[in-house]
Amino acid sequence: MFLIVDKHLAYRVAIQQLKNNQKMSEAIQIRQIRHLNNIVEQDRRCN
């Protein structure tokens, strides 16, 4: 499972804190790819 976020540093820090506190599964991988995040954001607008 992937979590797609943009490349802002705060996302990585927050996600690491969630994993350290066992609020988020270690199996979730972070994808910091601007292009993929834009596709997700554009898809939201189509509905």
PDB file of N, CA and C in Angstrom:
ATOM      1  N   MET A   1       0.842  -1.169   0.000  1.00  0.00           N
ATOM      2  CA  MET A   1       0.000   0.000   0.000  1.00  0.00           C
ATOM      3  C   MET A   1       0.891   1.237   0.000  1.00  0.00           C
ATOM      4  N   PHE A   2       0.474   2.225  -0.763  1.00  0.00           N
ATOM      5  CA  PHE A   2       1.251   3.452  -0.890  1.00  0.00           C
ATOM      6  C   PHE A   2       0.448   4.650  -0.396  1.00  0.00           C
ATOM      7  N   LEU A   3       1.154   5.594   0.158  1.00  0.00           N
ATOM      8  CA  LEU A   3       0.599   6.887   0.524  1.00  0.00           C
ATOM      9  C   LEU A   3       1.304   7.907  -0.354  1.00  0.00           C
ATOM     10  N   ILE A   4       0.544   8.599  -1.189  1.00  0.00           N
ATOM     11  CA  ILE A   4       1.132   9.542  -2.133  1.00  0.00           C
ATOM     12  C   ILE A   4       0.985  10.956  -1.577  1.00  0.00           C
ATOM     13  N   VAL A   5       2.116  11.615  -1.401  1.00  0.00           N
ATOM     14  CA  VAL A   5       2.138  12.993  -0.903  1.00  0.00           C
ATOM     15  C   VAL A   5       3.114  13.791  -1.753  1.00  0.00           C
ATOM     16  N   ASP A   6       3.024  15.117  -1.642  1.00  0.00           N
ATOM     17  CA  ASP A   6       4.011  15.910  -2.368  1.00  0.00           C
ATOM     18  C   ASP A   6       5.322  15.916  -1.581  1.00  0.00           C
ATOM     19  N   LYS A   7       6.288  16.676  -2.019  1.00  0.00           N
ATOM     20  CA  LYS A   7       7.642  16.574  -1.465  1.00  0.00           C
ATOM     21  C   LYS A   7       7.912  17.493  -0.279  1.00  0.00           C
ATOM     22  N   HIS A   8       6.872  17.986   0.375  1.00  0.00           N
ATOM     23  CA  HIS A   8       7.063  18.838   1.547  1.00  0.00           C
ATOM     24  C   HIS A   8       7.630  17.998   2.693  1.00  0.00           C
ATOM     25  N   LEU A   9       8.660  18.496   3.352  1.00  0.00           N
ATOM     26  CA  LEU A   9       9.352  17.763   4.408  1.00  0.00           C
ATOM     27  C   LEU A   9       8.438  17.387   5.571  1.00  0.00           C
ATOM     28  N   ALA A  10       7.447  18.194   5.863  1.00  0.00           N
ATOM     29  CA  ALA A  10       6.568  17.940   7.011  1.00  0.00           C
ATOM     30  C   ALA A  10       5.821  16.617   6.885  1.00  0.00           C
ATOM     31  N   TYR A  11       5.495  16.198   5.670  1.00  0.00           N
ATOM     32  CA  TYR A  11       4.798  14.931   5.493  1.00  0.00           C
ATOM     33  C   TYR A  11       5.645  13.764   5.986  1.00  0.00           C
ATOM     34  N   ARG A  12       6.901  13.728   5.590  1.00  0.00           N
ATOM     35  CA  ARG A  12       7.767  12.621   5.990  1.00  0.00           C
ATOM     36  C   ARG A  12       7.928  12.570   7.505  1.00  0.00           C
ATOM     37  N   VAL A  13       8.108  13.721   8.140  1.00  0.00           N
ATOM     38  CA  VAL A  13       8.273  13.774   9.596  1.00  0.00           C
ATOM     39  C   VAL A  13       6.998  13.297  10.292  1.00  0.00           C
ATOM     40  N   ALA A  14       5.848  13.792   9.853  1.00  0.00           N
ATOM     41  CA  ALA A  14       4.576  13.420  10.474  1.00  0.00           C
ATOM     42  C   ALA A  14       4.287  11.933  10.308  1.00  0.00           C
ATOM     43  N   ILE A  15       4.551  11.398   9.137  1.00  0.00           N
ATOM     44  CA  ILE A  15       4.293   9.983   8.890  1.00  0.00           C
ATOM     45  C   ILE A  15       5.224   9.116   9.720  1.00  0.00           C
ATOM     46  N   GLN A  16       6.470   9.517   9.860  1.00  0.00           N
ATOM     47  CA  GLN A  16       7.409   8.762  10.692  1.00  0.00           C
ATOM     48  C   GLN A  16       6.957   8.768  12.152  1.00  0.00           C
ATOM     49  N   GLN A  17       6.447   9.894  12.631  1.00  0.00           N
ATOM     50  CA  GLN A  17       5.934   9.956  14.001  1.00  0.00           C
ATOM     51  C   GLN A  17       4.732   9.037  14.177  1.00  0.00           C
ATOM     52  N   LEU A  18       3.842   8.996  13.196  1.00  0.00           N
ATOM     53  CA  LEU A  18       2.697   8.090  13.264  1.00  0.00           C
ATOM     54  C   LEU A  18       3.145   6.637  13.322  1.00  0.00           C
ATOM     55  N   LYS A  19       4.138   6.283  12.518  1.00  0.00           N
ATOM     56  CA  LYS A  19       4.647   4.910  12.530  1.00  0.00           C
ATOM     57  C   LYS A  19       5.328   4.590  13.857  1.00  0.00           C
ATOM     58  N   ASN A  20       6.083   5.540  14.410  1.00  0.00           N
ATOM     59  CA  ASN A  20       6.753   5.323  15.694  1.00  0.00           C
ATOM     60  C   ASN A  20       5.751   5.123  16.821  1.00  0.00           C
ATOM     61  N   ASN A  21       4.611   5.807  16.761  1.00  0.00           N
ATOM     62  CA  ASN A  21       3.564   5.687  17.780  1.00  0.00           C
ATOM     63  C   ASN A  21       2.587   4.560  17.468  1.00  0.00           C
ATOM     64  N   GLN A  22       2.875   3.781  16.437  1.00  0.00           N
ATOM     65  CA  GLN A  22       2.068   2.645  15.992  1.00  0.00           C
ATOM     66  C   GLN A  22       0.639   3.050  15.636  1.00  0.00           C
ATOM     67  N   LYS A  23       0.483   4.247  15.094  1.00  0.00           N
ATOM     68  CA  LYS A  23      -0.812   4.720  14.608  1.00  0.00           C
ATOM     69  C   LYS A  23      -0.964   4.441  13.112  1.00  0.00           C
ATOM     70  N   MET A  24       0.157   4.075  12.462  1.00  0.00           N
ATOM     71  CA  MET A  24       0.161   3.771  11.037  1.00  0.00           C
ATOM     72  C   MET A  24       1.018   2.532  10.822  1.00  0.00           C
ATOM     73  N   SER A  25       0.555   1.662   9.960  1.00  0.00           N
ATOM     74  CA  SER A  25       1.269   0.424   9.683  1.00  0.00           C
ATOM     75  C   SER A  25       2.633   0.689   9.051  1.00  0.00           C
ATOM     76  N   GLU A  26       3.615  -0.093   9.454  1.00  0.00           N
ATOM     77  CA  GLU A  26       4.952  -0.002   8.857  1.00  0.00           C
ATOM     78  C   GLU A  26       4.938  -0.458   7.396  1.00  0.00           C
ATOM     79  N   ALA A  27       3.902  -1.200   7.001  1.00  0.00           N
ATOM     80  CA  ALA A  27       3.816  -1.720   5.636  1.00  0.00           C
ATOM     81  C   ALA A  27       3.480  -0.627   4.618  1.00  0.00           C
ATOM     82  N   ILE A  28       2.964   0.495   5.076  1.00  0.00           N
ATOM     83  CA  ILE A  28       2.606   1.587   4.171  1.00  0.00           C
ATOM     84  C   ILE A  28       3.874   2.291   3.710  1.00  0.00           C
ATOM     85  N   GLN A  29       4.028   2.391   2.400  1.00  0.00           N
ATOM     86  CA  GLN A  29       5.191   3.056   1.821  1.00  0.00           C
ATOM     87  C   GLN A  29       4.791   4.455   1.360  1.00  0.00           C
ATOM     88  N   ILE A  30       5.713   5.382   1.512  1.00  0.00           N
ATOM     89  CA  ILE A  30       5.465   6.766   1.118  1.00  0.00           C
ATOM     90  C   ILE A  30       6.002   6.985  -0.289  1.00  0.00           C
ATOM     91  N   ARG A  31       5.183   7.555  -1.149  1.00  0.00           N
ATOM     92  CA  ARG A  31       5.626   7.956  -2.484  1.00  0.00           C
ATOM     93  C   ARG A  31       5.568   9.469  -2.537  1.00  0.00           C
ATOM     94  N   GLN A  32       6.709  10.091  -2.681  1.00  0.00           N
ATOM     95  CA  GLN A  32       6.765  11.547  -2.773  1.00  0.00           C
ATOM     96  C   GLN A  32       7.065  11.937  -4.210  1.00  0.00           C
ATOM     97  N   ILE A  33       6.092  11.733  -5.058  1.00  0.00           N
ATOM     98  CA  ILE A  33       6.237  12.028  -6.478  1.00  0.00           C
ATOM     99  C   ILE A  33       5.174  13.057  -6.846  1.00  0.00           C
ATOM    100  N   ARG A  34       5.607  14.212  -7.211  1.00  0.00           N
ATOM    101  CA  ARG A  34       4.696  15.316  -7.498  1.00  0.00           C
ATOM    102  C   ARG A  34       3.689  14.950  -8.589  1.00  0.00           C
ATOM    103  N   HIS A  35       4.141  14.296  -9.638  1.00  0.00           N
ATOM    104  CA  HIS A  35       3.270  13.962 -10.762  1.00  0.00           C
ATOM    105  C   HIS A  35       2.121  13.062 -10.320  1.00  0.00           C
ATOM    106  N   LEU A  36       2.409  12.024  -9.537  1.00  0.00           N
ATOM    107  CA  LEU A  36       1.354  11.116  -9.100  1.00  0.00           C
ATOM    108  C   LEU A  36       0.370  11.825  -8.183  1.00  0.00           C
ATOM    109  N   ASN A  37       0.856  12.697  -7.335  1.00  0.00           N
ATOM    110  CA  ASN A  37      -0.034  13.443  -6.453  1.00  0.00           C
ATOM    111  C   ASN A  37      -0.955  14.354  -7.261  1.00  0.00           C
ATOM    112  N   ASN A  38      -0.462  14.938  -8.325  1.00  0.00           N
ATOM    113  CA  ASN A  38      -1.295  15.798  -9.167  1.00  0.00           C
ATOM    114  C   ASN A  38      -2.421  15.011  -9.819  1.00  0.00           C
ATOM    115  N   ILE A  39      -2.155  13.773 -10.219  1.00  0.00           N
ATOM    116  CA  ILE A  39      -3.191  12.935 -10.825  1.00  0.00           C
ATOM    117  C   ILE A  39      -4.313  12.689  -9.816  1.00  0.00           C
ATOM    118  N   VAL A  40      -3.957  12.397  -8.583  1.00  0.00           N
ATOM    119  CA  VAL A  40      -4.962  12.159  -7.545  1.00  0.00           C
ATOM    120  C   VAL A  40      -5.777  13.420  -7.307  1.00  0.00           C
ATOM    121  N   GLU A  41      -5.136  14.561  -7.224  1.00  0.00           N
ATOM    122  CA  GLU A  41      -5.843  15.815  -6.991  1.00  0.00           C
ATOM    123  C   GLU A  41      -6.775  16.151  -8.155  1.00  0.00           C
ATOM    124  N   GLN A  42      -6.358  15.901  -9.382  1.00  0.00           N
ATOM    125  CA  GLN A  42      -7.195  16.191 -10.534  1.00  0.00           C
ATOM    126  C   GLN A  42      -8.395  15.253 -10.587  1.00  0.00           C
ATOM    127  N   ASP A  43      -8.212  13.998 -10.169  1.00  0.00           N
ATOM    128  CA  ASP A  43      -9.300  13.030 -10.181  1.00  0.00           C
ATOM    129  C   ASP A  43     -10.430  13.476  -9.254  1.00  0.00           C
ATOM    130  N   ARG A  44     -10.084  14.101  -8.161  1.00  0.00           N
ATOM    131  CA  ARG A  44     -11.075  14.577  -7.194  1.00  0.00           C
ATOM    132  C   ARG A  44     -11.990  15.620  -7.832  1.00  0.00           C
ATOM    133  N   ARG A  45     -11.471  16.405  -8.729  1.00  0.00           N
ATOM    134  CA  ARG A  45     -12.242  17.486  -9.345  1.00  0.00           C
ATOM    135  C   ARG A  45     -13.259  16.987 -10.367  1.00  0.00           C
ATOM    136  N   CYS A  46     -13.086  15.791 -10.881  1.00  0.00           N
ATOM    137  CA  CYS A  46     -13.954  15.273 -11.943  1.00  0.00           C
ATOM    138  C   CYS A  46     -15.325  14.848 -11.435  1.00  0.00           C
ATOM    139  N   ASN A  47     -15.459  14.633 -10.164  1.00  0.00           N
ATOM    140  CA  ASN A  47     -16.728  14.113  -9.630  1.00  0.00           C
ATOM    141  C   ASN A  47     -17.754  15.167  -9.466  1.00  0.00           C
TER     142      ASN A  47
END
